[in-house]
Amino acid sequence: MRAYAVTLGRTRPAVPVEPASLVRAAARPPYDAVSPEGLAAVRLCAGQALSVAELAALLQLPLQVAKVVVADLLAGGFLIHAMPDRSADGSDPSLLEAVLDGLRNL
């Protein structure tokens, strides 16, 4: 499907959406007013939080188109922002060593 048809000609999302933004489905049926791409995005996010970039890849849509679709779903209350787990503070030495080892192996 052409990107123009999916976004109704819009090239920018109504609200700022970053590719790394995590979203998940909100418990808000019915979904009868949602586009087929939007419905697919909501279904993908039903059991897990996904980034906008992941949704674009799974839906086989250009990233900018996925950003417009996600922004519409956020505005409609069909998706909500998922906050990353902040229980890990990132100062665990074994985690930092694993990251450093991974960077060295690049």
PDB file of N, CA and C in Angstrom:
ATOM      1  N   MET A   1       0.851  -1.177   0.000  1.00  0.00           N
ATOM      2  CA  MET A   1       0.000   0.000   0.000  1.00  0.00           C
ATOM      3  C   MET A   1       0.893   1.235   0.000  1.00  0.00           C
ATOM      4  N   ARG A   2       0.472   2.233  -0.713  1.00  0.00           N
ATOM      5  CA  ARG A   2       1.242   3.462  -0.779  1.00  0.00           C
ATOM      6  C   ARG A   2       1.209   4.204   0.544  1.00  0.00           C
ATOM      7  N   ALA A   3       2.360   4.790   0.873  1.00  0.00           N
ATOM      8  CA  ALA A   3       2.483   5.525   2.136  1.00  0.00           C
ATOM      9  C   ALA A   3       1.479   6.670   2.207  1.00  0.00           C
ATOM     10  N   TYR A   4       1.218   7.314   1.083  1.00  0.00           N
ATOM     11  CA  TYR A   4       0.281   8.434   1.038  1.00  0.00           C
ATOM     12  C   TYR A   4      -1.106   8.004   1.514  1.00  0.00           C
ATOM     13  N   ALA A   5      -1.524   6.818   1.115  1.00  0.00           N
ATOM     14  CA  ALA A   5      -2.848   6.325   1.508  1.00  0.00           C
ATOM     15  C   ALA A   5      -2.893   5.968   2.990  1.00  0.00           C
ATOM     16  N   VAL A   6      -1.812   5.435   3.514  1.00  0.00           N
ATOM     17  CA  VAL A   6      -1.781   5.035   4.919  1.00  0.00           C
ATOM     18  C   VAL A   6      -1.842   6.258   5.833  1.00  0.00           C
ATOM     19  N   THR A   7      -1.127   7.316   5.456  1.00  0.00           N
ATOM     20  CA  THR A   7      -1.048   8.511   6.306  1.00  0.00           C
ATOM     21  C   THR A   7      -2.037   9.598   5.904  1.00  0.00           C
ATOM     22  N   LEU A   8      -2.851   9.326   4.908  1.00  0.00           N
ATOM     23  CA  LEU A   8      -3.806  10.312   4.385  1.00  0.00           C
ATOM     24  C   LEU A   8      -3.102  11.588   3.943  1.00  0.00           C
ATOM     25  N   GLY A   9      -1.911  11.411   3.385  1.00  0.00           N
ATOM     26  CA  GLY A   9      -1.150  12.528   2.851  1.00  0.00           C
ATOM     27  C   GLY A   9      -0.271  13.249   3.844  1.00  0.00           C
ATOM     28  N   ARG A  10      -0.346  12.886   5.092  1.00  0.00           N
ATOM     29  CA  ARG A  10       0.475  13.563   6.102  1.00  0.00           C
ATOM     30  C   ARG A  10       1.900  13.022   6.074  1.00  0.00           C
ATOM     31  N   THR A  11       2.861  13.894   6.253  1.00  0.00           N
ATOM     32  CA  THR A  11       4.257  13.473   6.242  1.00  0.00           C
ATOM     33  C   THR A  11       4.907  13.561   7.611  1.00  0.00           C
ATOM     34  N   ARG A  12       4.213  14.173   8.561  1.00  0.00           N
ATOM     35  CA  ARG A  12       4.747  14.307   9.922  1.00  0.00           C
ATOM     36  C   ARG A  12       3.696  13.863  10.937  1.00  0.00           C
ATOM     37  N   PRO A  13       4.163  13.232  12.007  1.00  0.00           N
ATOM     38  CA  PRO A  13       3.210  12.837  13.052  1.00  0.00           C
ATOM     39  C   PRO A  13       2.660  14.066  13.773  1.00  0.00           C
ATOM     40  N   ALA A  14       1.445  13.954  14.268  1.00  0.00           N
ATOM     41  CA  ALA A  14       0.801  15.063  14.972  1.00  0.00           C
ATOM     42  C   ALA A  14       1.482  15.359  16.306  1.00  0.00           C
ATOM     43  N   VAL A  15       2.052  14.339  16.930  1.00  0.00           N
ATOM     44  CA  VAL A  15       2.811  14.505  18.169  1.00  0.00           C
ATOM     45  C   VAL A  15       4.198  13.914  17.930  1.00  0.00           C
ATOM     46  N   PRO A  16       5.213  14.433  18.611  1.00  0.00           N
ATOM     47  CA  PRO A  16       6.559  13.892  18.392  1.00  0.00           C
ATOM     48  C   PRO A  16       6.650  12.420  18.794  1.00  0.00           C
ATOM     49  N   VAL A  17       7.184  11.619  17.897  1.00  0.00           N
ATOM     50  CA  VAL A  17       7.371  10.192  18.145  1.00  0.00           C
ATOM     51  C   VAL A  17       8.777   9.831  17.672  1.00  0.00           C
ATOM     52  N   GLU A  18       9.558   9.274  18.565  1.00  0.00           N
ATOM     53  CA  GLU A  18      10.924   8.876  18.233  1.00  0.00           C
ATOM     54  C   GLU A  18      10.954   7.405  17.825  1.00  0.00           C
ATOM     55  N   PRO A  19      11.896   7.016  16.969  1.00  0.00           N
ATOM     56  CA  PRO A  19      11.993   5.606  16.573  1.00  0.00           C
ATOM     57  C   PRO A  19      12.199   4.655  17.752  1.00  0.00           C
ATOM     58  N   ALA A  20      12.869   5.125  18.803  1.00  0.00           N
ATOM     59  CA  ALA A  20      13.126   4.276  19.961  1.00  0.00           C
ATOM     60  C   ALA A  20      12.013   4.319  21.005  1.00  0.00           C
ATOM     61  N   SER A  21      10.980   5.118  20.767  1.00  0.00           N
ATOM     62  CA  SER A  21       9.866   5.202  21.724  1.00  0.00           C
ATOM     63  C   SER A  21       9.195   3.845  21.857  1.00  0.00           C
ATOM     64  N   LEU A  22       8.986   3.431  23.093  1.00  0.00           N
ATOM     65  CA  LEU A  22       8.299   2.166  23.353  1.00  0.00           C
ATOM     66  C   LEU A  22       6.815   2.422  23.554  1.00  0.00           C
ATOM     67  N   VAL A  23       5.999   1.625  22.883  1.00  0.00           N
ATOM     68  CA  VAL A  23       4.551   1.744  23.009  1.00  0.00           C
ATOM     69  C   VAL A  23       3.955   0.367  23.262  1.00  0.00           C
ATOM     70  N   ARG A  24       2.791   0.372  23.897  1.00  0.00           N
ATOM     71  CA  ARG A  24       2.061  -0.876  24.095  1.00  0.00           C
ATOM     72  C   ARG A  24       0.578  -0.587  23.928  1.00  0.00           C
ATOM     73  N   ALA A  25      -0.181  -1.633  23.720  1.00  0.00           N
ATOM     74  CA  ALA A  25      -1.617  -1.484  23.489  1.00  0.00           C
ATOM     75  C   ALA A  25      -2.325  -1.098  24.777  1.00  0.00           C
ATOM     76  N   ALA A  26      -3.288  -0.233  24.637  1.00  0.00           N
ATOM     77  CA  ALA A  26      -4.156   0.135  25.751  1.00  0.00           C
ATOM     78  C   ALA A  26      -5.412  -0.732  25.660  1.00  0.00           C
ATOM     79  N   ALA A  27      -6.004  -1.004  26.781  1.00  0.00           N
ATOM     80  CA  ALA A  27      -7.245  -1.786  26.784  1.00  0.00           C
ATOM     81  C   ALA A  27      -8.384  -0.850  26.420  1.00  0.00           C
ATOM     82  N   ARG A  28      -8.576  -0.670  25.117  1.00  0.00           N
ATOM     83  CA  ARG A  28      -9.583   0.281  24.668  1.00  0.00           C
ATOM     84  C   ARG A  28     -10.308  -0.202  23.410  1.00  0.00           C
ATOM     85  N   PRO A  29     -10.986  -1.317  23.426  1.00  0.00           N
ATOM     86  CA  PRO A  29     -11.807  -1.663  22.269  1.00  0.00           C
ATOM     87  C   PRO A  29     -13.051  -0.795  22.257  1.00  0.00           C
ATOM     88  N   PRO A  30     -13.796  -0.649  21.242  1.00  0.00           N
ATOM     89  CA  PRO A  30     -13.654  -1.293  19.937  1.00  0.00           C
ATOM     90  C   PRO A  30     -12.673  -0.543  19.039  1.00  0.00           C
ATOM     91  N   TYR A  31     -12.147  -1.263  18.109  1.00  0.00           N
ATOM     92  CA  TYR A  31     -11.140  -0.720  17.201  1.00  0.00           C
ATOM     93  C   TYR A  31     -11.709  -0.478  15.807  1.00  0.00           C
ATOM     94  N   ASP A  32     -13.002  -0.268  15.691  1.00  0.00           N
ATOM     95  CA  ASP A  32     -13.619  -0.134  14.377  1.00  0.00           C
ATOM     96  C   ASP A  32     -13.203   1.147  13.646  1.00  0.00           C
ATOM     97  N   ALA A  33     -12.719   2.156  14.360  1.00  0.00           N
ATOM     98  CA  ALA A  33     -12.320   3.404  13.718  1.00  0.00           C
ATOM     99  C   ALA A  33     -10.822   3.432  13.399  1.00  0.00           C
ATOM    100  N   VAL A  34     -10.140   2.301  13.549  1.00  0.00           N
ATOM    101  CA  VAL A  34      -8.698   2.236  13.340  1.00  0.00           C
ATOM    102  C   VAL A  34      -8.403   1.673  11.953  1.00  0.00           C
ATOM    103  N   SER A  35      -7.397   2.238  11.303  1.00  0.00           N
ATOM    104  CA  SER A  35      -6.999   1.753   9.977  1.00  0.00           C
ATOM    105  C   SER A  35      -6.465   0.330  10.081  1.00  0.00           C
ATOM    106  N   PRO A  36      -6.398  -0.393   8.971  1.00  0.00           N
ATOM    107  CA  PRO A  36      -5.853  -1.758   9.020  1.00  0.00           C
ATOM    108  C   PRO A  36      -4.418  -1.791   9.557  1.00  0.00           C
ATOM    109  N   GLU A  37      -3.608  -0.796   9.181  1.00  0.00           N
ATOM    110  CA  GLU A  37      -2.235  -0.734   9.681  1.00  0.00           C
ATOM    111  C   GLU A  37      -2.222  -0.438  11.182  1.00  0.00           C
ATOM    112  N   GLY A  38      -3.112   0.423  11.604  1.00  0.00           N
ATOM    113  CA  GLY A  38      -3.219   0.745  13.018  1.00  0.00           C
ATOM    114  C   GLY A  38      -3.669  -0.451  13.833  1.00  0.00           C
ATOM    115  N   LEU A  39      -4.629  -1.177  13.312  1.00  0.00           N
ATOM    116  CA  LEU A  39      -5.115  -2.377  13.997  1.00  0.00           C
ATOM    117  C   LEU A  39      -4.009  -3.417  14.113  1.00  0.00           C
ATOM    118  N   ALA A  40      -3.230  -3.573  13.050  1.00  0.00           N
ATOM    119  CA  ALA A  40      -2.102  -4.511  13.097  1.00  0.00           C
ATOM    120  C   ALA A  40      -1.079  -4.071  14.139  1.00  0.00           C
ATOM    121  N   ALA A  41      -0.828  -2.772  14.239  1.00  0.00           N
ATOM    122  CA  ALA A  41       0.118  -2.251  15.231  1.00  0.00           C
ATOM    123  C   ALA A  41      -0.391  -2.512  16.649  1.00  0.00           C
ATOM    124  N   VAL A  42      -1.668  -2.268  16.870  1.00  0.00           N
ATOM    125  CA  VAL A  42      -2.247  -2.503  18.202  1.00  0.00           C
ATOM    126  C   VAL A  42      -2.154  -3.977  18.555  1.00  0.00           C
ATOM    127  N   ARG A  43      -2.433  -4.845  17.626  1.00  0.00           N
ATOM    128  CA  ARG A  43      -2.360  -6.290  17.891  1.00  0.00           C
ATOM    129  C   ARG A  43      -0.934  -6.722  18.217  1.00  0.00           C
ATOM    130  N   LEU A  44       0.045  -6.151  17.502  1.00  0.00           N
ATOM    131  CA  LEU A  44       1.439  -6.492  17.773  1.00  0.00           C
ATOM    132  C   LEU A  44       1.871  -6.036  19.166  1.00  0.00           C
ATOM    133  N   CYS A  45       1.296  -4.941  19.622  1.00  0.00           N
ATOM    134  CA  CYS A  45       1.668  -4.374  20.927  1.00  0.00           C
ATOM    135  C   CYS A  45       0.791  -4.883  22.067  1.00  0.00           C
ATOM    136  N   ALA A  46      -0.093  -5.828  21.786  1.00  0.00           N
ATOM    137  CA  ALA A  46      -1.037  -6.289  22.808  1.00  0.00           C
ATOM    138  C   ALA A  46      -0.342  -6.991  23.964  1.00  0.00           C
ATOM    139  N   GLY A  47       0.654  -7.786  23.715  1.00  0.00           N
ATOM    140  CA  GLY A  47       1.284  -8.537  24.784  1.00  0.00           C
ATOM    141  C   GLY A  47       2.655  -8.039  25.181  1.00  0.00           C
ATOM    142  N   GLN A  48       3.140  -7.019  24.481  1.00  0.00           N
ATOM    143  CA  GLN A  48       4.498  -6.561  24.735  1.00  0.00           C
ATOM    144  C   GLN A  48       4.671  -5.127  24.271  1.00  0.00           C
ATOM    145  N   ALA A  49       5.659  -4.482  24.809  1.00  0.00           N
ATOM    146  CA  ALA A  49       6.005  -3.140  24.360  1.00  0.00           C
ATOM    147  C   ALA A  49       6.977  -3.262  23.197  1.00  0.00           C
ATOM    148  N   LEU A  50       6.734  -2.479  22.159  1.00  0.00           N
ATOM    149  CA  LEU A  50       7.606  -2.461  20.986  1.00  0.00           C
ATOM    150  C   LEU A  50       8.014  -1.032  20.684  1.00  0.00           C
ATOM    151  N   SER A  51       9.179  -0.883  20.097  1.00  0.00           N
ATOM    152  CA  SER A  51       9.597   0.444  19.663  1.00  0.00           C
ATOM    153  C   SER A  51       8.914   0.773  18.342  1.00  0.00           C
ATOM    154  N   VAL A  52       8.882   2.041  18.032  1.00  0.00           N
ATOM    155  CA  VAL A  52       8.281   2.472  16.768  1.00  0.00           C
ATOM    156  C   VAL A  52       9.070   1.880  15.599  1.00  0.00           C
ATOM    157  N   ALA A  53      10.389   1.802  15.731  1.00  0.00           N
ATOM    158  CA  ALA A  53      11.213   1.221  14.675  1.00  0.00           C
ATOM    159  C   ALA A  53      10.886  -0.262  14.470  1.00  0.00           C
ATOM    160  N   GLU A  54      10.658  -0.992  15.567  1.00  0.00           N
ATOM    161  CA  GLU A  54      10.280  -2.403  15.449  1.00  0.00           C
ATOM    162  C   GLU A  54       8.932  -2.545  14.758  1.00  0.00           C
ATOM    163  N   LEU A  55       7.994  -1.682  15.123  1.00  0.00           N
ATOM    164  CA  LEU A  55       6.680  -1.724  14.472  1.00  0.00           C
ATOM    165  C   LEU A  55       6.799  -1.462  12.981  1.00  0.00           C
ATOM    166  N   ALA A  56       7.625  -0.491  12.613  1.00  0.00           N
ATOM    167  CA  ALA A  56       7.820  -0.186  11.189  1.00  0.00           C
ATOM    168  C   ALA A  56       8.329  -1.418  10.453  1.00  0.00           C
ATOM    169  N   ALA A  57       9.291  -2.111  11.050  1.00  0.00           N
ATOM    170  CA  ALA A  57       9.842  -3.305  10.405  1.00  0.00           C
ATOM    171  C   ALA A  57       8.813  -4.422  10.324  1.00  0.00           C
ATOM    172  N   LEU A  58       8.095  -4.658  11.420  1.00  0.00           N
ATOM    173  CA  LEU A  58       7.108  -5.743  11.434  1.00  0.00           C
ATOM    174  C   LEU A  58       5.938  -5.467  10.495  1.00  0.00           C
ATOM    175  N   LEU A  59       5.551  -4.198  10.377  1.00  0.00           N
ATOM    176  CA  LEU A  59       4.442  -3.831   9.493  1.00  0.00           C
ATOM    177  C   LEU A  59       4.894  -3.591   8.058  1.00  0.00           C
ATOM    178  N   GLN A  60       6.185  -3.636   7.846  1.00  0.00           N
ATOM    179  CA  GLN A  60       6.780  -3.379   6.535  1.00  0.00           C
ATOM    180  C   GLN A  60       6.362  -2.012   5.998  1.00  0.00           C
ATOM    181  N   LEU A  61       6.497  -1.021   6.872  1.00  0.00           N
ATOM    182  CA  LEU A  61       6.186   0.363   6.524  1.00  0.00           C
ATOM    183  C   LEU A  61       7.443   1.196   6.672  1.00  0.00           C
ATOM    184  N   PRO A  62       7.578   2.244   5.865  1.00  0.00           N
ATOM    185  CA  PRO A  62       8.685   3.174   6.096  1.00  0.00           C
ATOM    186  C   PRO A  62       8.573   3.771   7.504  1.00  0.00           C
ATOM    187  N   LEU A  63       9.703   4.086   8.102  1.00  0.00           N
ATOM    188  CA  LEU A  63       9.709   4.579   9.478  1.00  0.00           C
ATOM    189  C   LEU A  63       8.834   5.811   9.644  1.00  0.00           C
ATOM    190  N   GLN A  64       8.899   6.754   8.717  1.00  0.00           N
ATOM    191  CA  GLN A  64       8.111   7.983   8.852  1.00  0.00           C
ATOM    192  C   GLN A  64       6.608   7.686   8.819  1.00  0.00           C
ATOM    193  N   VAL A  65       6.209   6.736   8.014  1.00  0.00           N
ATOM    194  CA  VAL A  65       4.802   6.339   7.953  1.00  0.00           C
ATOM    195  C   VAL A  65       4.392   5.697   9.274  1.00  0.00           C
ATOM    196  N   ALA A  66       5.240   4.829   9.810  1.00  0.00           N
ATOM    197  CA  ALA A  66       4.939   4.191  11.096  1.00  0.00           C
ATOM    198  C   ALA A  66       4.828   5.233  12.199  1.00  0.00           C
ATOM    199  N   LYS A  67       5.652   6.274  12.148  1.00  0.00           N
ATOM    200  CA  LYS A  67       5.572   7.332  13.154  1.00  0.00           C
ATOM    201  C   LYS A  67       4.228   8.041  13.102  1.00  0.00           C
ATOM    202  N   VAL A  68       3.709   8.284  11.901  1.00  0.00           N
ATOM    203  CA  VAL A  68       2.401   8.926  11.752  1.00  0.00           C
ATOM    204  C   VAL A  68       1.301   8.008  12.281  1.00  0.00           C
ATOM    205  N   VAL A  69       1.364   6.730  11.943  1.00  0.00           N
ATOM    206  CA  VAL A  69       0.359   5.762  12.398  1.00  0.00           C
ATOM    207  C   VAL A  69       0.384   5.662  13.924  1.00  0.00           C
ATOM    208  N   VAL A  70       1.575   5.547  14.510  1.00  0.00           N
ATOM    209  CA  VAL A  70       1.696   5.432  15.967  1.00  0.00           C
ATOM    210  C   VAL A  70       1.197   6.699  16.650  1.00  0.00           C
ATOM    211  N   ALA A  71       1.531   7.858  16.108  1.00  0.00           N
ATOM    212  CA  ALA A  71       1.055   9.118  16.695  1.00  0.00           C
ATOM    213  C   ALA A  71      -0.470   9.168  16.701  1.00  0.00           C
ATOM    214  N   ASP A  72      -1.087   8.730  15.624  1.00  0.00           N
ATOM    215  CA  ASP A  72      -2.558   8.685  15.572  1.00  0.00           C
ATOM    216  C   ASP A  72      -3.121   7.740  16.628  1.00  0.00           C
ATOM    217  N   LEU A  73      -2.476   6.584  16.794  1.00  0.00           N
ATOM    218  CA  LEU A  73      -2.941   5.606  17.780  1.00  0.00           C
ATOM    219  C   LEU A  73      -2.740   6.113  19.205  1.00  0.00           C
ATOM    220  N   LEU A  74      -1.660   6.838  19.440  1.00  0.00           N
ATOM    221  CA  LEU A  74      -1.441   7.437  20.759  1.00  0.00           C
ATOM    222  C   LEU A  74      -2.499   8.498  21.042  1.00  0.00           C
ATOM    223  N   ALA A  75      -2.769   9.337  20.052  1.00  0.00           N
ATOM    224  CA  ALA A  75      -3.770  10.395  20.225  1.00  0.00           C
ATOM    225  C   ALA A  75      -5.165   9.814  20.455  1.00  0.00           C
ATOM    226  N   GLY A  76      -5.453   8.684  19.819  1.00  0.00           N
ATOM    227  CA  GLY A  76      -6.760   8.044  19.979  1.00  0.00           C
ATOM    228  C   GLY A  76      -6.883   7.186  21.220  1.00  0.00           C
ATOM    229  N   GLY A  77      -5.786   7.014  21.944  1.00  0.00           N
ATOM    230  CA  GLY A  77      -5.818   6.203  23.158  1.00  0.00           C
ATOM    231  C   GLY A  77      -5.716   4.707  22.908  1.00  0.00           C
ATOM    232  N   PHE A  78      -5.382   4.320  21.692  1.00  0.00           N
ATOM    233  CA  PHE A  78      -5.264   2.897  21.370  1.00  0.00           C
ATOM    234  C   PHE A  78      -3.906   2.337  21.777  1.00  0.00           C
ATOM    235  N   LEU A  79      -2.881   3.201  21.767  1.00  0.00           N
ATOM    236  CA  LEU A  79      -1.553   2.838  22.246  1.00  0.00           C
ATOM    237  C   LEU A  79      -1.190   3.802  23.365  1.00  0.00           C
ATOM    238  N   ILE A  80      -0.343   3.349  24.257  1.00  0.00           N
ATOM    239  CA  ILE A  80       0.185   4.220  25.305  1.00  0.00           C
ATOM    240  C   ILE A  80       1.697   4.048  25.349  1.00  0.00           C
ATOM    241  N   HIS A  81       2.375   5.060  25.862  1.00  0.00           N
ATOM    242  CA  HIS A  81       3.820   4.965  26.016  1.00  0.00           C
ATOM    243  C   HIS A  81       4.139   3.942  27.090  1.00  0.00           C
ATOM    244  N   ALA A  82       5.091   3.087  26.810  1.00  0.00           N
ATOM    245  CA  ALA A  82       5.562   2.104  27.781  1.00  0.00           C
ATOM    246  C   ALA A  82       6.883   2.601  28.334  1.00  0.00           C
ATOM    247  N   MET A  83       6.963   2.653  29.610  1.00  0.00           N
ATOM    248  CA  MET A  83       8.191   3.124  30.240  1.00  0.00           C
ATOM    249  C   MET A  83       9.169   1.970  30.385  1.00  0.00           C
ATOM    250  N   PRO A  84      10.452   2.203  30.080  1.00  0.00           N
ATOM    251  CA  PRO A  84      11.434   1.133  30.275  1.00  0.00           C
ATOM    252  C   PRO A  84      11.610   0.823  31.756  1.00  0.00           C
ATOM    253  N   ASP A  85      12.040  -0.378  32.026  1.00  0.00           N
ATOM    254  CA  ASP A  85      12.268  -0.802  33.408  1.00  0.00           C
ATOM    255  C   ASP A  85      13.448  -0.034  33.982  1.00  0.00           C
ATOM    256  N   ARG A  86      13.202   0.726  35.007  1.00  0.00           N
ATOM    257  CA  ARG A  86      14.249   1.539  35.630  1.00  0.00           C
ATOM    258  C   ARG A  86      14.814   0.880  36.891  1.00  0.00           C
ATOM    259  N   SER A  87      14.495  -0.395  37.105  1.00  0.00           N
ATOM    260  CA  SER A  87      14.984  -1.053  38.312  1.00  0.00           C
ATOM    261  C   SER A  87      16.497  -1.250  38.259  1.00  0.00           C
ATOM    262  N   ALA A  88      17.053  -1.411  37.077  1.00  0.00           N
ATOM    263  CA  ALA A  88      18.499  -1.525  36.936  1.00  0.00           C
ATOM    264  C   ALA A  88      19.071  -0.130  36.726  1.00  0.00           C
ATOM    265  N   ASP A  89      20.026   0.231  37.555  1.00  0.00           N
ATOM    266  CA  ASP A  89      20.569   1.581  37.456  1.00  0.00           C
ATOM    267  C   ASP A  89      21.749   1.684  36.507  1.00  0.00           C
ATOM    268  N   GLY A  90      22.215   0.569  35.971  1.00  0.00           N
ATOM    269  CA  GLY A  90      23.295   0.607  35.001  1.00  0.00           C
ATOM    270  C   GLY A  90      24.675   0.628  35.632  1.00  0.00           C
ATOM    271  N   SER A  91      24.752   0.592  36.946  1.00  0.00           N
ATOM    272  CA  SER A  91      26.059   0.634  37.590  1.00  0.00           C
ATOM    273  C   SER A  91      26.555  -0.752  38.002  1.00  0.00           C
ATOM    274  N   ASP A  92      25.868  -1.788  37.598  1.00  0.00           N
ATOM    275  CA  ASP A  92      26.290  -3.155  37.895  1.00  0.00           C
ATOM    276  C   ASP A  92      27.589  -3.432  37.144  1.00  0.00           C
ATOM    277  N   PRO A  93      28.674  -3.741  37.850  1.00  0.00           N
ATOM    278  CA  PRO A  93      29.960  -3.948  37.181  1.00  0.00           C
ATOM    279  C   PRO A  93      29.933  -5.051  36.128  1.00  0.00           C
ATOM    280  N   SER A  94      29.196  -6.127  36.376  1.00  0.00           N
ATOM    281  CA  SER A  94      29.167  -7.210  35.388  1.00  0.00           C
ATOM    282  C   SER A  94      28.459  -6.767  34.114  1.00  0.00           C
ATOM    283  N   LEU A  95      27.431  -5.927  34.243  1.00  0.00           N
ATOM    284  CA  LEU A  95      26.755  -5.401  33.066  1.00  0.00           C
ATOM    285  C   LEU A  95      27.685  -4.492  32.279  1.00  0.00           C
ATOM    286  N   LEU A  96      28.387  -3.620  32.976  1.00  0.00           N
ATOM    287  CA  LEU A  96      29.308  -2.709  32.308  1.00  0.00           C
ATOM    288  C   LEU A  96      30.444  -3.469  31.631  1.00  0.00           C
ATOM    289  N   GLU A  97      30.937  -4.534  32.271  1.00  0.00           N
ATOM    290  CA  GLU A  97      31.986  -5.347  31.662  1.00  0.00           C
ATOM    291  C   GLU A  97      31.475  -6.059  30.414  1.00  0.00           C
ATOM    292  N   ALA A  98      30.238  -6.548  30.455  1.00  0.00           N
ATOM    293  CA  ALA A  98      29.660  -7.219  29.290  1.00  0.00           C
ATOM    294  C   ALA A  98      29.505  -6.247  28.126  1.00  0.00           C
ATOM    295  N   VAL A  99      29.098  -5.033  28.418  1.00  0.00           N
ATOM    296  CA  VAL A  99      28.986  -4.019  27.364  1.00  0.00           C
ATOM    297  C   VAL A  99      30.336  -3.708  26.782  1.00  0.00           C
ATOM    298  N   LEU A 100      31.330  -3.525  27.642  1.00  0.00           N
ATOM    299  CA  LEU A 100      32.685  -3.228  27.181  1.00  0.00           C
ATOM    300  C   LEU A 100      33.235  -4.366  26.337  1.00  0.00           C
ATOM    301  N   ASP A 101      33.015  -5.617  26.763  1.00  0.00           N
ATOM    302  CA  ASP A 101      33.451  -6.777  25.969  1.00  0.00           C
ATOM    303  C   ASP A 101      32.775  -6.789  24.608  1.00  0.00           C
ATOM    304  N   GLY A 102      31.492  -6.479  24.583  1.00  0.00           N
ATOM    305  CA  GLY A 102      30.778  -6.446  23.308  1.00  0.00           C
ATOM    306  C   GLY A 102      31.314  -5.367  22.388  1.00  0.00           C
ATOM    307  N   LEU A 103      31.649  -4.221  22.940  1.00  0.00           N
ATOM    308  CA  LEU A 103      32.218  -3.144  22.127  1.00  0.00           C
ATOM    309  C   LEU A 103      33.595  -3.521  21.593  1.00  0.00           C
ATOM    310  N   ARG A 104      34.368  -4.199  22.401  1.00  0.00           N
ATOM    311  CA  ARG A 104      35.703  -4.638  21.955  1.00  0.00           C
ATOM    312  C   ARG A 104      35.596  -5.647  20.828  1.00  0.00           C
ATOM    313  N   ASN A 105      34.551  -6.454  20.827  1.00  0.00           N
ATOM    314  CA  ASN A 105      34.391  -7.487  19.798  1.00  0.00           C
ATOM    315  C   ASN A 105      33.866  -6.950  18.475  1.00  0.00           C
ATOM    316  N   LEU A 106      33.492  -5.692  18.438  1.00  0.00           N
ATOM    317  CA  LEU A 106      32.991  -5.128  17.178  1.00  0.00           C
ATOM    318  C   LEU A 106      34.050  -4.980  16.140  1.00  0.00           C
TER     319      LEU A 106
END
